[in-house]
């Protein structure tokens, strides 16, 4: 079904998400890391103590993406 409807149209939301979400969040994480000169869990708690859970969320997301890519590469 994807091939018959044109697979290239699904790249439009993909690139929009990259430009709108991924690039600003990556820049924000790099900028905060340079500004506070600390690790991810330390600079979020330096901003506000309740943001410590956000850093654990980032770590969990990175862990699951790493496991996914390890399985994909080994396959």
PDB file of N, CA and C in Angstrom:
ATOM      1  N   UNK A   1       0.825  -1.191   0.000  1.00  0.00           N
ATOM      2  CA  UNK A   1       0.000   0.000   0.000  1.00  0.00           C
ATOM      3  C   UNK A   1       0.866   1.251   0.000  1.00  0.00           C
ATOM      4  N   UNK A   2       1.953   1.211   0.731  1.00  0.00           N
ATOM      5  CA  UNK A   2       2.837   2.373   0.769  1.00  0.00           C
ATOM      6  C   UNK A   2       3.455   2.636  -0.588  1.00  0.00           C
ATOM      7  N   UNK A   3       3.860   1.584  -1.274  1.00  0.00           N
ATOM      8  CA  UNK A   3       4.495   1.730  -2.574  1.00  0.00           C
ATOM      9  C   UNK A   3       3.512   2.236  -3.619  1.00  0.00           C
ATOM     10  N   UNK A   4       2.284   1.789  -3.563  1.00  0.00           N
ATOM     11  CA  UNK A   4       1.305   2.207  -4.561  1.00  0.00           C
ATOM     12  C   UNK A   4       0.849   3.646  -4.352  1.00  0.00           C
ATOM     13  N   UNK A   5       0.909   4.147  -3.129  1.00  0.00           N
ATOM     14  CA  UNK A   5       0.504   5.527  -2.851  1.00  0.00           C
ATOM     15  C   UNK A   5       1.654   6.513  -2.905  1.00  0.00           C
ATOM     16  N   UNK A   6       2.841   6.050  -3.144  1.00  0.00           N
ATOM     17  CA  UNK A   6       3.986   6.953  -3.200  1.00  0.00           C
ATOM     18  C   UNK A   6       4.664   7.023  -1.850  1.00  0.00           C
ATOM     19  N   UNK A   7       5.827   6.441  -1.718  1.00  0.00           N
ATOM     20  CA  UNK A   7       6.518   6.388  -0.429  1.00  0.00           C
ATOM     21  C   UNK A   7       7.216   7.680  -0.070  1.00  0.00           C
ATOM     22  N   UNK A   8       7.457   8.545  -1.049  1.00  0.00           N
ATOM     23  CA  UNK A   8       8.188   9.782  -0.792  1.00  0.00           C
ATOM     24  C   UNK A   8       7.422  10.812   0.010  1.00  0.00           C
ATOM     25  N   UNK A   9       6.098  10.690   0.026  1.00  0.00           N
ATOM     26  CA  UNK A   9       5.296  11.679   0.743  1.00  0.00           C
ATOM     27  C   UNK A   9       5.501  11.577   2.257  1.00  0.00           C
ATOM     28  N   UNK A  10       5.962  10.438   2.745  1.00  0.00           N
ATOM     29  CA  UNK A  10       6.155  10.268   4.178  1.00  0.00           C
ATOM     30  C   UNK A  10       7.452  10.907   4.662  1.00  0.00           C
ATOM     31  N   UNK A  11       8.301  11.345   3.722  1.00  0.00           N
ATOM     32  CA  UNK A  11       9.499  12.065   4.113  1.00  0.00           C
ATOM     33  C   UNK A  11       9.197  13.493   4.541  1.00  0.00           C
ATOM     34  N   UNK A  12       8.082  14.047   4.106  1.00  0.00           N
ATOM     35  CA  UNK A  12       7.732  15.427   4.454  1.00  0.00           C
ATOM     36  C   UNK A  12       7.523  15.578   5.962  1.00  0.00           C
ATOM     37  N   UNK A  13       6.673  14.774   6.634  1.00  0.00           N
ATOM     38  CA  UNK A  13       6.555  14.919   8.087  1.00  0.00           C
ATOM     39  C   UNK A  13       7.827  14.522   8.825  1.00  0.00           C
ATOM     40  N   UNK A  14       8.598  13.604   8.230  1.00  0.00           N
ATOM     41  CA  UNK A  14       9.862  13.205   8.846  1.00  0.00           C
ATOM     42  C   UNK A  14      10.828  14.392   8.905  1.00  0.00           C
ATOM     43  N   UNK A  15      10.991  15.076   7.800  1.00  0.00           N
ATOM     44  CA  UNK A  15      11.895  16.227   7.774  1.00  0.00           C
ATOM     45  C   UNK A  15      11.359  17.403   8.589  1.00  0.00           C
ATOM     46  N   UNK A  16      10.047  17.562   8.627  1.00  0.00           N
ATOM     47  CA  UNK A  16       9.460  18.619   9.458  1.00  0.00           C
ATOM     48  C   UNK A  16       9.738  18.346  10.932  1.00  0.00           C
ATOM     49  N   UNK A  17       9.602  17.095  11.362  1.00  0.00           N
ATOM     50  CA  UNK A  17       9.892  16.739  12.760  1.00  0.00           C
ATOM     51  C   UNK A  17      11.364  16.928  13.080  1.00  0.00           C
ATOM     52  N   UNK A  18      12.232  16.606  12.135  1.00  0.00           N
ATOM     53  CA  UNK A  18      13.658  16.822  12.367  1.00  0.00           C
ATOM     54  C   UNK A  18      13.950  18.298  12.544  1.00  0.00           C
ATOM     55  N   UNK A  19      13.400  19.130  11.674  1.00  0.00           N
ATOM     56  CA  UNK A  19      13.681  20.563  11.738  1.00  0.00           C
ATOM     57  C   UNK A  19      13.028  21.246  12.933  1.00  0.00           C
ATOM     58  N   UNK A  20      11.834  20.798  13.313  1.00  0.00           N
ATOM     59  CA  UNK A  20      11.087  21.481  14.365  1.00  0.00           C
ATOM     60  C   UNK A  20      11.404  20.947  15.758  1.00  0.00           C
ATOM     61  N   UNK A  21      11.674  19.654  15.884  1.00  0.00           N
ATOM     62  CA  UNK A  21      11.848  19.051  17.199  1.00  0.00           C
ATOM     63  C   UNK A  21      13.292  18.634  17.476  1.00  0.00           C
ATOM     64  N   UNK A  22      13.869  17.836  16.604  1.00  0.00           N
ATOM     65  CA  UNK A  22      15.160  17.215  16.883  1.00  0.00           C
ATOM     66  C   UNK A  22      16.293  18.241  16.926  1.00  0.00           C
ATOM     67  N   UNK A  23      16.399  19.078  15.927  1.00  0.00           N
ATOM     68  CA  UNK A  23      17.515  20.039  15.902  1.00  0.00           C
ATOM     69  C   UNK A  23      17.469  21.050  17.051  1.00  0.00           C
ATOM     70  N   UNK A  24      16.309  21.645  17.364  1.00  0.00           N
ATOM     71  CA  UNK A  24      16.304  22.554  18.527  1.00  0.00           C
ATOM     72  C   UNK A  24      16.598  21.860  19.856  1.00  0.00           C
ATOM     73  N   UNK A  25      16.095  20.628  20.047  1.00  0.00           N
ATOM     74  CA  UNK A  25      16.370  19.925  21.297  1.00  0.00           C
ATOM     75  C   UNK A  25      17.844  19.529  21.406  1.00  0.00           C
ATOM     76  N   UNK A  26      18.441  19.138  20.294  1.00  0.00           N
ATOM     77  CA  UNK A  26      19.874  18.819  20.311  1.00  0.00           C
ATOM     78  C   UNK A  26      20.695  20.055  20.643  1.00  0.00           C
ATOM     79  N   UNK A  27      20.353  21.171  20.015  1.00  0.00           N
ATOM     80  CA  UNK A  27      21.066  22.416  20.291  1.00  0.00           C
ATOM     81  C   UNK A  27      20.879  22.845  21.743  1.00  0.00           C
ATOM     82  N   UNK A  28      19.668  22.685  22.263  1.00  0.00           N
ATOM     83  CA  UNK A  28      19.391  23.049  23.649  1.00  0.00           C
ATOM     84  C   UNK A  28      20.203  22.203  24.612  1.00  0.00           C
ATOM     85  N   UNK A  29      20.303  20.905  24.348  1.00  0.00           N
ATOM     86  CA  UNK A  29      21.059  20.029  25.233  1.00  0.00           C
ATOM     87  C   UNK A  29      22.555  20.367  25.197  1.00  0.00           C
ATOM     88  N   UNK A  30      23.073  20.648  24.019  1.00  0.00           N
ATOM     89  CA  UNK A  30      24.486  21.022  23.896  1.00  0.00           C
ATOM     90  C   UNK A  30      24.746  22.360  24.569  1.00  0.00           C
ATOM     91  N   UNK A  31      23.855  23.321  24.371  1.00  0.00           N
ATOM     92  CA  UNK A  31      24.040  24.645  24.966  1.00  0.00           C
ATOM     93  C   UNK A  31      23.980  24.591  26.488  1.00  0.00           C
ATOM     94  N   UNK A  32      23.015  23.840  27.036  1.00  0.00           N
ATOM     95  CA  UNK A  32      22.940  23.710  28.491  1.00  0.00           C
ATOM     96  C   UNK A  32      24.165  23.000  29.056  1.00  0.00           C
ATOM     97  N   UNK A  33      24.638  21.992  28.354  1.00  0.00           N
ATOM     98  CA  UNK A  33      25.822  21.280  28.818  1.00  0.00           C
ATOM     99  C   UNK A  33      27.045  22.176  28.851  1.00  0.00           C
ATOM    100  N   UNK A  34      27.187  23.056  27.856  1.00  0.00           N
ATOM    101  CA  UNK A  34      28.312  23.980  27.848  1.00  0.00           C
ATOM    102  C   UNK A  34      28.142  25.092  28.869  1.00  0.00           C
ATOM    103  N   UNK A  35      26.900  25.524  29.066  1.00  0.00           N
ATOM    104  CA  UNK A  35      26.666  26.625  29.991  1.00  0.00           C
ATOM    105  C   UNK A  35      26.892  26.191  31.446  1.00  0.00           C
ATOM    106  N   UNK A  36      26.396  25.029  31.809  1.00  0.00           N
ATOM    107  CA  UNK A  36      26.518  24.567  33.191  1.00  0.00           C
ATOM    108  C   UNK A  36      27.777  23.744  33.430  1.00  0.00           C
ATOM    109  N   UNK A  37      28.424  23.273  32.358  1.00  0.00           N
ATOM    110  CA  UNK A  37      29.639  22.458  32.438  1.00  0.00           C
ATOM    111  C   UNK A  37      29.438  21.253  33.355  1.00  0.00           C
ATOM    112  N   UNK A  38      28.329  20.580  33.151  1.00  0.00           N
ATOM    113  CA  UNK A  38      27.984  19.410  33.946  1.00  0.00           C
ATOM    114  C   UNK A  38      27.363  18.356  33.041  1.00  0.00           C
ATOM    115  N   UNK A  39      27.117  17.187  33.601  1.00  0.00           N
ATOM    116  CA  UNK A  39      26.433  16.120  32.872  1.00  0.00           C
ATOM    117  C   UNK A  39      24.942  16.422  32.800  1.00  0.00           C
ATOM    118  N   UNK A  40      24.213  15.620  32.035  1.00  0.00           N
ATOM    119  CA  UNK A  40      22.795  15.873  31.791  1.00  0.00           C
ATOM    120  C   UNK A  40      21.994  15.886  33.087  1.00  0.00           C
ATOM    121  N   UNK A  41      22.186  14.897  33.945  1.00  0.00           N
ATOM    122  CA  UNK A  41      21.386  14.833  35.171  1.00  0.00           C
ATOM    123  C   UNK A  41      21.755  15.951  36.142  1.00  0.00           C
ATOM    124  N   UNK A  42      22.946  16.505  36.027  1.00  0.00           N
ATOM    125  CA  UNK A  42      23.346  17.571  36.948  1.00  0.00           C
ATOM    126  C   UNK A  42      22.843  18.939  36.507  1.00  0.00           C
ATOM    127  N   UNK A  43      22.816  19.200  35.203  1.00  0.00           N
ATOM    128  CA  UNK A  43      22.380  20.544  34.822  1.00  0.00           C
ATOM    129  C   UNK A  43      20.876  20.694  34.847  1.00  0.00           C
ATOM    130  N   UNK A  44      20.117  19.605  34.650  1.00  0.00           N
ATOM    131  CA  UNK A  44      18.670  19.730  34.801  1.00  0.00           C
ATOM    132  C   UNK A  44      18.298  19.942  36.260  1.00  0.00           C
ATOM    133  N   UNK A  45      18.988  19.291  37.173  1.00  0.00           N
ATOM    134  CA  UNK A  45      18.692  19.521  38.587  1.00  0.00           C
ATOM    135  C   UNK A  45      19.225  20.873  39.045  1.00  0.00           C
ATOM    136  N   UNK A  46      20.226  21.434  38.336  1.00  0.00           N
ATOM    137  CA  UNK A  46      20.695  22.780  38.669  1.00  0.00           C
ATOM    138  C   UNK A  46      19.674  23.837  38.247  1.00  0.00           C
ATOM    139  N   UNK A  47      18.931  23.560  37.173  1.00  0.00           N
ATOM    140  CA  UNK A  47      17.890  24.487  36.740  1.00  0.00           C
ATOM    141  C   UNK A  47      16.743  24.466  37.739  1.00  0.00           C
ATOM    142  N   UNK A  48      16.249  23.264  38.020  1.00  0.00           N
ATOM    143  CA  UNK A  48      15.181  23.092  39.001  1.00  0.00           C
ATOM    144  C   UNK A  48      15.224  21.646  39.476  1.00  0.00           C
ATOM    145  N   UNK A  49      15.103  21.395  40.780  1.00  0.00           N
ATOM    146  CA  UNK A  49      15.209  20.022  41.279  1.00  0.00           C
ATOM    147  C   UNK A  49      14.161  19.060  40.727  1.00  0.00           C
ATOM    148  N   UNK A  50      12.993  19.561  40.351  1.00  0.00           N
ATOM    149  CA  UNK A  50      11.954  18.689  39.824  1.00  0.00           C
ATOM    150  C   UNK A  50      12.251  18.217  38.397  1.00  0.00           C
ATOM    151  N   UNK A  51      13.207  18.837  37.727  1.00  0.00           N
ATOM    152  CA  UNK A  51      13.561  18.427  36.372  1.00  0.00           C
ATOM    153  C   UNK A  51      14.508  17.238  36.337  1.00  0.00           C
ATOM    154  N   UNK A  52      14.837  16.695  37.476  1.00  0.00           N
ATOM    155  CA  UNK A  52      15.723  15.533  37.528  1.00  0.00           C
ATOM    156  C   UNK A  52      15.091  14.332  36.814  1.00  0.00           C
ATOM    157  N   UNK A  53      13.782  14.200  36.885  1.00  0.00           N
ATOM    158  CA  UNK A  53      13.092  13.125  36.188  1.00  0.00           C
ATOM    159  C   UNK A  53      13.214  13.239  34.675  1.00  0.00           C
ATOM    160  N   UNK A  54      13.304  14.464  34.167  1.00  0.00           N
ATOM    161  CA  UNK A  54      13.488  14.665  32.733  1.00  0.00           C
ATOM    162  C   UNK A  54      14.815  14.103  32.262  1.00  0.00           C
ATOM    163  N   UNK A  55      15.840  14.260  33.057  1.00  0.00           N
ATOM    164  CA  UNK A  55      17.143  13.725  32.674  1.00  0.00           C
ATOM    165  C   UNK A  55      17.134  12.195  32.680  1.00  0.00           C
ATOM    166  N   UNK A  56      16.411  11.588  33.616  1.00  0.00           N
ATOM    167  CA  UNK A  56      16.289  10.132  33.609  1.00  0.00           C
ATOM    168  C   UNK A  56      15.463   9.666  32.408  1.00  0.00           C
ATOM    169  N   UNK A  57      14.504  10.480  31.999  1.00  0.00           N
ATOM    170  CA  UNK A  57      13.752  10.170  30.785  1.00  0.00           C
ATOM    171  C   UNK A  57      14.639  10.201  29.554  1.00  0.00           C
ATOM    172  N   UNK A  58      15.515  11.209  29.462  1.00  0.00           N
ATOM    173  CA  UNK A  58      16.472  11.273  28.360  1.00  0.00           C
ATOM    174  C   UNK A  58      17.376  10.053  28.362  1.00  0.00           C
ATOM    175  N   UNK A  59      17.844   9.664  29.525  1.00  0.00           N
ATOM    176  CA  UNK A  59      18.726   8.504  29.623  1.00  0.00           C
ATOM    177  C   UNK A  59      18.000   7.224  29.208  1.00  0.00           C
ATOM    178  N   UNK A  60      16.740   7.088  29.572  1.00  0.00           N
ATOM    179  CA  UNK A  60      15.967   5.905  29.187  1.00  0.00           C
ATOM    180  C   UNK A  60      15.750   5.868  27.683  1.00  0.00           C
ATOM    181  N   UNK A  61      15.440   7.000  27.088  1.00  0.00           N
ATOM    182  CA  UNK A  61      15.242   7.057  25.637  1.00  0.00           C
ATOM    183  C   UNK A  61      16.526   6.697  24.912  1.00  0.00           C
ATOM    184  N   UNK A  62      17.639   7.240  25.352  1.00  0.00           N
ATOM    185  CA  UNK A  62      18.923   6.939  24.730  1.00  0.00           C
ATOM    186  C   UNK A  62      19.247   5.453  24.879  1.00  0.00           C
ATOM    187  N   UNK A  63      18.952   4.874  26.032  1.00  0.00           N
ATOM    188  CA  UNK A  63      19.199   3.448  26.254  1.00  0.00           C
ATOM    189  C   UNK A  63      18.389   2.586  25.287  1.00  0.00           C
ATOM    190  N   UNK A  64      17.095   2.872  25.149  1.00  0.00           N
ATOM    191  CA  UNK A  64      16.261   2.057  24.274  1.00  0.00           C
ATOM    192  C   UNK A  64      16.641   2.223  22.805  1.00  0.00           C
ATOM    193  N   UNK A  65      17.028   3.416  22.404  1.00  0.00           N
ATOM    194  CA  UNK A  65      17.487   3.610  21.028  1.00  0.00           C
ATOM    195  C   UNK A  65      18.787   2.859  20.794  1.00  0.00           C
ATOM    196  N   UNK A  66      19.683   2.863  21.767  1.00  0.00           N
ATOM    197  CA  UNK A  66      20.945   2.142  21.624  1.00  0.00           C
ATOM    198  C   UNK A  66      20.710   0.637  21.523  1.00  0.00           C
ATOM    199  N   UNK A  67      19.810   0.098  22.342  1.00  0.00           N
ATOM    200  CA  UNK A  67      19.503  -1.330  22.275  1.00  0.00           C
ATOM    201  C   UNK A  67      18.885  -1.682  20.924  1.00  0.00           C
ATOM    202  N   UNK A  68      17.999  -0.830  20.438  1.00  0.00           N
ATOM    203  CA  UNK A  68      17.376  -1.061  19.141  1.00  0.00           C
ATOM    204  C   UNK A  68      18.423  -1.086  18.030  1.00  0.00           C
ATOM    205  N   UNK A  69      19.324  -0.130  18.026  1.00  0.00           N
ATOM    206  CA  UNK A  69      20.332  -0.086  16.975  1.00  0.00           C
ATOM    207  C   UNK A  69      21.330  -1.225  17.083  1.00  0.00           C
ATOM    208  N   UNK A  70      21.650  -1.663  18.304  1.00  0.00           N
ATOM    209  CA  UNK A  70      22.534  -2.821  18.445  1.00  0.00           C
ATOM    210  C   UNK A  70      21.883  -4.072  17.862  1.00  0.00           C
ATOM    211  N   UNK A  71      20.604  -4.267  18.114  1.00  0.00           N
ATOM    212  CA  UNK A  71      19.905  -5.424  17.534  1.00  0.00           C
ATOM    213  C   UNK A  71      19.815  -5.305  16.027  1.00  0.00           C
ATOM    214  N   UNK A  72      19.561  -4.122  15.536  1.00  0.00           N
ATOM    215  CA  UNK A  72      19.451  -3.907  14.098  1.00  0.00           C
ATOM    216  C   UNK A  72      20.785  -4.136  13.393  1.00  0.00           C
ATOM    217  N   UNK A  73      21.860  -3.657  13.963  1.00  0.00           N
ATOM    218  CA  UNK A  73      23.166  -3.823  13.354  1.00  0.00           C
ATOM    219  C   UNK A  73      23.621  -5.277  13.417  1.00  0.00           C
ATOM    220  N   UNK A  74      23.341  -5.949  14.519  1.00  0.00           N
ATOM    221  CA  UNK A  74      23.753  -7.350  14.631  1.00  0.00           C
ATOM    222  C   UNK A  74      22.950  -8.265  13.717  1.00  0.00           C
ATOM    223  N   UNK A  75      21.742  -7.876  13.368  1.00  0.00           N
ATOM    224  CA  UNK A  75      20.919  -8.673  12.488  1.00  0.00           C
ATOM    225  C   UNK A  75      21.474  -8.593  11.094  1.00  0.00           C
TER     226      UNK A  75
END
